């Protein structure tokens, strides 16, 4: 399958999974996700998160435990992380909520990463524009960054194609488990 085909497949699987959840189950799963990922965030100085859209798993319950954290803002071909509260976010690139340009720019040491699909070795399939790969490469060039992919179980793939510029994830968190991908490499 091509990356386009894989994106189509895993987006459809994610959409069907979320649509089939009984009332209240989505929130329960997202709260469980927060509980499972909490140990990995014990010594975080500044975390970067994201505003979930549609049927993406929402890191909101993780963010509530983090205290101050950052959200991505698209700046040309790059992502810049700005410390901001949810209330300050406004629709930005592709109508995704993002912080104002005036919010303080920060360098996260932990990054919660959205994805379309992922392998247990940390190979991530994103939206296809490379924003998070470039952001992770730039952050890791400056200092160590723990990258945690956030997913529903239906987004775990047995294998995915990887390009030389794709940045591997260090961990994968789902509502059912926290996987240390570094052990697979």
C-alpha atoms as a PDB file:
ATOM      1  CA  UNK A   1       0.000   0.000   0.000  1.00  0.00           C
ATOM      2  CA  UNK A   2       1.136   3.555  -0.661  1.00  0.00           C
ATOM      3  CA  UNK A   3       1.327   6.092   2.162  1.00  0.00           C
ATOM      4  CA  UNK A   4      -1.834   7.676   0.746  1.00  0.00           C
ATOM      5  CA  UNK A   5      -3.598   4.303   0.904  1.00  0.00           C
ATOM      6  CA  UNK A   6      -2.319   3.704   4.435  1.00  0.00           C
ATOM      7  CA  UNK A   7      -3.540   7.119   5.568  1.00  0.00           C
ATOM      8  CA  UNK A   8      -6.965   6.440   4.064  1.00  0.00           C
ATOM      9  CA  UNK A   9      -7.108   2.997   5.738  1.00  0.00           C
ATOM     10  CA  UNK A  10      -6.058   4.151   9.216  1.00  0.00           C
ATOM     11  CA  UNK A  11      -8.196   7.300   9.141  1.00  0.00           C
ATOM     12  CA  UNK A  12     -11.222   5.143   8.272  1.00  0.00           C
ATOM     13  CA  UNK A  13     -10.354   2.678  11.058  1.00  0.00           C
ATOM     14  CA  UNK A  14      -9.990   5.535  13.558  1.00  0.00           C
ATOM     15  CA  UNK A  15     -13.270   7.110  12.460  1.00  0.00           C
ATOM     16  CA  UNK A  16     -15.146   3.787  12.701  1.00  0.00           C
ATOM     17  CA  UNK A  17     -13.645   3.040  16.121  1.00  0.00           C
ATOM     18  CA  UNK A  18     -14.635   6.397  17.598  1.00  0.00           C
ATOM     19  CA  UNK A  19     -18.102   6.291  15.998  1.00  0.00           C
ATOM     20  CA  UNK A  20     -18.748   2.884  17.612  1.00  0.00           C
ATOM     21  CA  UNK A  21     -17.862   4.005  21.147  1.00  0.00           C
ATOM     22  CA  UNK A  22     -20.800   4.017  23.565  1.00  0.00           C
ATOM     23  CA  UNK A  23     -21.691   7.344  25.209  1.00  0.00           C
ATOM     24  CA  UNK A  24     -19.065   8.331  27.777  1.00  0.00           C
ATOM     25  CA  UNK A  25     -16.573   5.673  26.674  1.00  0.00           C
ATOM     26  CA  UNK A  26     -14.361   8.054  24.724  1.00  0.00           C
ATOM     27  CA  UNK A  27     -13.787  10.243  27.766  1.00  0.00           C
ATOM     28  CA  UNK A  28     -13.113   7.168  29.924  1.00  0.00           C
ATOM     29  CA  UNK A  29     -10.514   5.926  27.427  1.00  0.00           C
ATOM     30  CA  UNK A  30      -8.845   9.338  27.175  1.00  0.00           C
ATOM     31  CA  UNK A  31      -8.696   9.586  30.983  1.00  0.00           C
ATOM     32  CA  UNK A  32      -7.107   6.128  31.086  1.00  0.00           C
ATOM     33  CA  UNK A  33      -4.582   7.280  28.474  1.00  0.00           C
ATOM     34  CA  UNK A  34      -3.619  10.136  30.806  1.00  0.00           C
ATOM     35  CA  UNK A  35      -3.139   7.738  33.725  1.00  0.00           C
ATOM     36  CA  UNK A  36      -0.953   5.392  31.658  1.00  0.00           C
ATOM     37  CA  UNK A  37       1.277   8.150  30.264  1.00  0.00           C
ATOM     38  CA  UNK A  38       1.695   9.957  33.617  1.00  0.00           C
ATOM     39  CA  UNK A  39       4.866   8.062  34.693  1.00  0.00           C
ATOM     40  CA  UNK A  40       6.638   9.102  31.473  1.00  0.00           C
ATOM     41  CA  UNK A  41       5.907  12.752  32.284  1.00  0.00           C
ATOM     42  CA  UNK A  42       7.217  12.701  35.861  1.00  0.00           C
ATOM     43  CA  UNK A  43      10.248  14.944  35.259  1.00  0.00           C
ATOM     44  CA  UNK A  44       9.002  17.079  32.394  1.00  0.00           C
ATOM     45  CA  UNK A  45      10.041  20.721  32.395  1.00  0.00           C
ATOM     46  CA  UNK A  46       7.976  21.824  29.391  1.00  0.00           C
ATOM     47  CA  UNK A  47       5.697  19.585  27.361  1.00  0.00           C
ATOM     48  CA  UNK A  48       4.395  20.213  23.897  1.00  0.00           C
ATOM     49  CA  UNK A  49       0.928  18.923  23.146  1.00  0.00           C
ATOM     50  CA  UNK A  50      -1.637  19.415  20.391  1.00  0.00           C
ATOM     51  CA  UNK A  51      -5.293  20.295  19.904  1.00  0.00           C
ATOM     52  CA  UNK A  52      -7.066  17.154  18.738  1.00  0.00           C
ATOM     53  CA  UNK A  53      -9.387  17.483  15.783  1.00  0.00           C
ATOM     54  CA  UNK A  54     -12.311  15.192  14.952  1.00  0.00           C
ATOM     55  CA  UNK A  55     -11.677  11.579  15.888  1.00  0.00           C
ATOM     56  CA  UNK A  56      -8.022  12.049  16.907  1.00  0.00           C
ATOM     57  CA  UNK A  57      -7.412  10.900  20.453  1.00  0.00           C
ATOM     58  CA  UNK A  58      -7.533  13.957  22.691  1.00  0.00           C
ATOM     59  CA  UNK A  59      -4.600  14.580  25.075  1.00  0.00           C
ATOM     60  CA  UNK A  60      -6.750  17.027  27.102  1.00  0.00           C
ATOM     61  CA  UNK A  61      -6.650  14.864  30.253  1.00  0.00           C
ATOM     62  CA  UNK A  62      -2.876  14.586  29.995  1.00  0.00           C
ATOM     63  CA  UNK A  63      -2.636  18.375  29.580  1.00  0.00           C
ATOM     64  CA  UNK A  64      -4.718  18.921  32.733  1.00  0.00           C
ATOM     65  CA  UNK A  65      -2.014  17.092  34.723  1.00  0.00           C
ATOM     66  CA  UNK A  66       0.928  18.828  33.051  1.00  0.00           C
ATOM     67  CA  UNK A  67       0.479  22.359  34.236  1.00  0.00           C
ATOM     68  CA  UNK A  68       1.957  24.906  31.823  1.00  0.00           C
ATOM     69  CA  UNK A  69       2.564  23.412  28.392  1.00  0.00           C
ATOM     70  CA  UNK A  70       2.905  24.407  24.769  1.00  0.00           C
ATOM     71  CA  UNK A  71       0.870  24.051  21.599  1.00  0.00           C
ATOM     72  CA  UNK A  72       2.176  24.038  18.021  1.00  0.00           C
ATOM     73  CA  UNK A  73       1.764  26.952  15.660  1.00  0.00           C
ATOM     74  CA  UNK A  74       2.489  26.545  11.950  1.00  0.00           C
ATOM     75  CA  UNK A  75       5.081  29.060  10.752  1.00  0.00           C
ATOM     76  CA  UNK A  76       5.761  28.487   7.063  1.00  0.00           C
ATOM     77  CA  UNK A  77       7.163  24.951   6.763  1.00  0.00           C
ATOM     78  CA  UNK A  78       7.874  24.648  10.480  1.00  0.00           C
ATOM     79  CA  UNK A  79       6.127  24.216  13.799  1.00  0.00           C
ATOM     80  CA  UNK A  80       6.923  26.636  16.604  1.00  0.00           C
ATOM     81  CA  UNK A  81       5.769  25.768  20.132  1.00  0.00           C
ATOM     82  CA  UNK A  82       4.159  28.508  22.202  1.00  0.00           C
ATOM     83  CA  UNK A  83       3.189  28.203  25.849  1.00  0.00           C
ATOM     84  CA  UNK A  84      -0.524  28.928  26.012  1.00  0.00           C
ATOM     85  CA  UNK A  85      -3.784  28.073  27.723  1.00  0.00           C
ATOM     86  CA  UNK A  86      -6.559  26.349  25.805  1.00  0.00           C
ATOM     87  CA  UNK A  87      -8.649  29.514  26.093  1.00  0.00           C
ATOM     88  CA  UNK A  88      -6.041  31.438  24.057  1.00  0.00           C
ATOM     89  CA  UNK A  89      -6.133  29.046  21.074  1.00  0.00           C
ATOM     90  CA  UNK A  90      -7.737  30.249  17.846  1.00  0.00           C
ATOM     91  CA  UNK A  91      -8.372  28.460  14.530  1.00  0.00           C
ATOM     92  CA  UNK A  92      -5.166  28.459  12.478  1.00  0.00           C
ATOM     93  CA  UNK A  93      -3.677  26.317   9.710  1.00  0.00           C
ATOM     94  CA  UNK A  94      -6.407  24.009   8.351  1.00  0.00           C
ATOM     95  CA  UNK A  95      -8.679  25.372  11.089  1.00  0.00           C
ATOM     96  CA  UNK A  96      -6.647  23.569  13.793  1.00  0.00           C
ATOM     97  CA  UNK A  97      -6.588  25.504  17.093  1.00  0.00           C
ATOM     98  CA  UNK A  98      -3.206  27.124  17.690  1.00  0.00           C
ATOM     99  CA  UNK A  99      -1.717  29.679  20.085  1.00  0.00           C
ATOM    100  CA  UNK A 100      -1.325  33.334  19.220  1.00  0.00           C
ATOM    101  CA  UNK A 101       2.000  34.404  17.739  1.00  0.00           C
ATOM    102  CA  UNK A 102       2.472  36.646  20.800  1.00  0.00           C
ATOM    103  CA  UNK A 103       2.487  33.688  23.238  1.00  0.00           C
ATOM    104  CA  UNK A 104       5.953  32.813  24.618  1.00  0.00           C
ATOM    105  CA  UNK A 105       8.013  30.516  22.372  1.00  0.00           C
ATOM    106  CA  UNK A 106       9.335  27.483  24.273  1.00  0.00           C
ATOM    107  CA  UNK A 107      11.446  24.394  23.595  1.00  0.00           C
ATOM    108  CA  UNK A 108       9.577  21.294  24.846  1.00  0.00           C
ATOM    109  CA  UNK A 109      11.567  18.449  26.366  1.00  0.00           C
ATOM    110  CA  UNK A 110       8.568  16.111  25.942  1.00  0.00           C
ATOM    111  CA  UNK A 111       6.359  16.178  22.882  1.00  0.00           C
ATOM    112  CA  UNK A 112       2.937  14.518  22.602  1.00  0.00           C
ATOM    113  CA  UNK A 113       2.659  13.722  18.908  1.00  0.00           C
ATOM    114  CA  UNK A 114      -0.534  13.172  16.904  1.00  0.00           C
ATOM    115  CA  UNK A 115      -0.490  10.522  14.203  1.00  0.00           C
ATOM    116  CA  UNK A 116      -2.484   8.614  11.631  1.00  0.00           C
ATOM    117  CA  UNK A 117      -0.724   5.274  12.261  1.00  0.00           C
ATOM    118  CA  UNK A 118       2.338   4.002  14.104  1.00  0.00           C
ATOM    119  CA  UNK A 119       4.356   0.822  14.626  1.00  0.00           C
ATOM    120  CA  UNK A 120       5.501  -0.433  18.007  1.00  0.00           C
ATOM    121  CA  UNK A 121       9.049   0.445  16.910  1.00  0.00           C
ATOM    122  CA  UNK A 122       8.015   4.109  16.700  1.00  0.00           C
ATOM    123  CA  UNK A 123       7.672   4.517  12.931  1.00  0.00           C
ATOM    124  CA  UNK A 124       4.995   7.196  12.581  1.00  0.00           C
ATOM    125  CA  UNK A 125       2.697   7.965   9.676  1.00  0.00           C
ATOM    126  CA  UNK A 126       1.495  11.541   9.981  1.00  0.00           C
ATOM    127  CA  UNK A 127      -0.619  13.786   7.816  1.00  0.00           C
ATOM    128  CA  UNK A 128       2.043  13.848   5.107  1.00  0.00           C
ATOM    129  CA  UNK A 129       3.556  17.315   5.230  1.00  0.00           C
ATOM    130  CA  UNK A 130       6.475  16.525   7.552  1.00  0.00           C
ATOM    131  CA  UNK A 131       5.784  19.232  10.144  1.00  0.00           C
ATOM    132  CA  UNK A 132       6.386  17.000  13.161  1.00  0.00           C
ATOM    133  CA  UNK A 133       9.427  15.312  11.599  1.00  0.00           C
ATOM    134  CA  UNK A 134      11.045  18.720  11.019  1.00  0.00           C
ATOM    135  CA  UNK A 135      10.025  19.941  14.486  1.00  0.00           C
ATOM    136  CA  UNK A 136      11.443  16.851  16.203  1.00  0.00           C
ATOM    137  CA  UNK A 137      14.666  17.046  14.205  1.00  0.00           C
ATOM    138  CA  UNK A 138      15.114  20.720  15.154  1.00  0.00           C
ATOM    139  CA  UNK A 139      14.283  20.148  18.831  1.00  0.00           C
ATOM    140  CA  UNK A 140      16.551  17.089  19.070  1.00  0.00           C
ATOM    141  CA  UNK A 141      19.363  19.090  17.482  1.00  0.00           C
ATOM    142  CA  UNK A 142      19.162  21.495  20.465  1.00  0.00           C
ATOM    143  CA  UNK A 143      18.520  19.075  23.343  1.00  0.00           C
ATOM    144  CA  UNK A 144      17.078  15.633  24.151  1.00  0.00           C
ATOM    145  CA  UNK A 145      13.322  15.390  23.520  1.00  0.00           C
ATOM    146  CA  UNK A 146      11.067  12.507  24.479  1.00  0.00           C
ATOM    147  CA  UNK A 147       8.526  12.046  21.662  1.00  0.00           C
ATOM    148  CA  UNK A 148       5.361  10.180  22.683  1.00  0.00           C
ATOM    149  CA  UNK A 149       2.912   9.216  19.959  1.00  0.00           C
ATOM    150  CA  UNK A 150      -0.706   9.330  21.117  1.00  0.00           C
ATOM    151  CA  UNK A 151      -3.043   6.834  19.441  1.00  0.00           C
ATOM    152  CA  UNK A 152      -6.080   4.627  19.610  1.00  0.00           C
ATOM    153  CA  UNK A 153      -5.169   0.916  19.491  1.00  0.00           C
ATOM    154  CA  UNK A 154      -6.680   0.687  15.985  1.00  0.00           C
ATOM    155  CA  UNK A 155      -3.875   2.990  14.775  1.00  0.00           C
ATOM    156  CA  UNK A 156      -1.109   0.506  15.639  1.00  0.00           C
ATOM    157  CA  UNK A 157       0.242  -0.879  12.363  1.00  0.00           C
ATOM    158  CA  UNK A 158       2.284  -4.050  11.899  1.00  0.00           C
ATOM    159  CA  UNK A 159       4.633  -2.171   9.539  1.00  0.00           C
ATOM    160  CA  UNK A 160       4.887   1.232   7.870  1.00  0.00           C
ATOM    161  CA  UNK A 161       7.246   2.664   5.265  1.00  0.00           C
ATOM    162  CA  UNK A 162       9.864   5.032   6.659  1.00  0.00           C
ATOM    163  CA  UNK A 163      11.844   7.710   4.858  1.00  0.00           C
ATOM    164  CA  UNK A 164      15.359   8.762   5.941  1.00  0.00           C
ATOM    165  CA  UNK A 165      13.991  12.063   7.320  1.00  0.00           C
ATOM    166  CA  UNK A 166      11.219  10.440   9.396  1.00  0.00           C
ATOM    167  CA  UNK A 167      11.833  10.991  13.099  1.00  0.00           C
ATOM    168  CA  UNK A 168      11.168   7.920  15.250  1.00  0.00           C
ATOM    169  CA  UNK A 169       8.933   8.165  18.298  1.00  0.00           C
ATOM    170  CA  UNK A 170      10.357   7.135  21.651  1.00  0.00           C
ATOM    171  CA  UNK A 171       7.092   5.900  23.109  1.00  0.00           C
ATOM    172  CA  UNK A 172       3.543   5.101  22.048  1.00  0.00           C
ATOM    173  CA  UNK A 173       0.626   5.704  24.422  1.00  0.00           C
ATOM    174  CA  UNK A 174      -2.847   4.284  23.896  1.00  0.00           C
ATOM    175  CA  UNK A 175      -5.651   3.956  26.452  1.00  0.00           C
ATOM    176  CA  UNK A 176      -4.565   0.317  26.889  1.00  0.00           C
ATOM    177  CA  UNK A 177      -0.760   0.550  27.091  1.00  0.00           C
ATOM    178  CA  UNK A 178       2.417   2.583  27.134  1.00  0.00           C
ATOM    179  CA  UNK A 179       5.102   1.150  24.850  1.00  0.00           C
ATOM    180  CA  UNK A 180       8.782   2.100  24.994  1.00  0.00           C
ATOM    181  CA  UNK A 181       9.709   1.991  21.293  1.00  0.00           C
ATOM    182  CA  UNK A 182      13.395   2.477  22.062  1.00  0.00           C
ATOM    183  CA  UNK A 183      13.517  -1.151  23.244  1.00  0.00           C
ATOM    184  CA  UNK A 184      12.566  -2.273  19.705  1.00  0.00           C
ATOM    185  CA  UNK A 185      15.447  -0.476  18.021  1.00  0.00           C
END
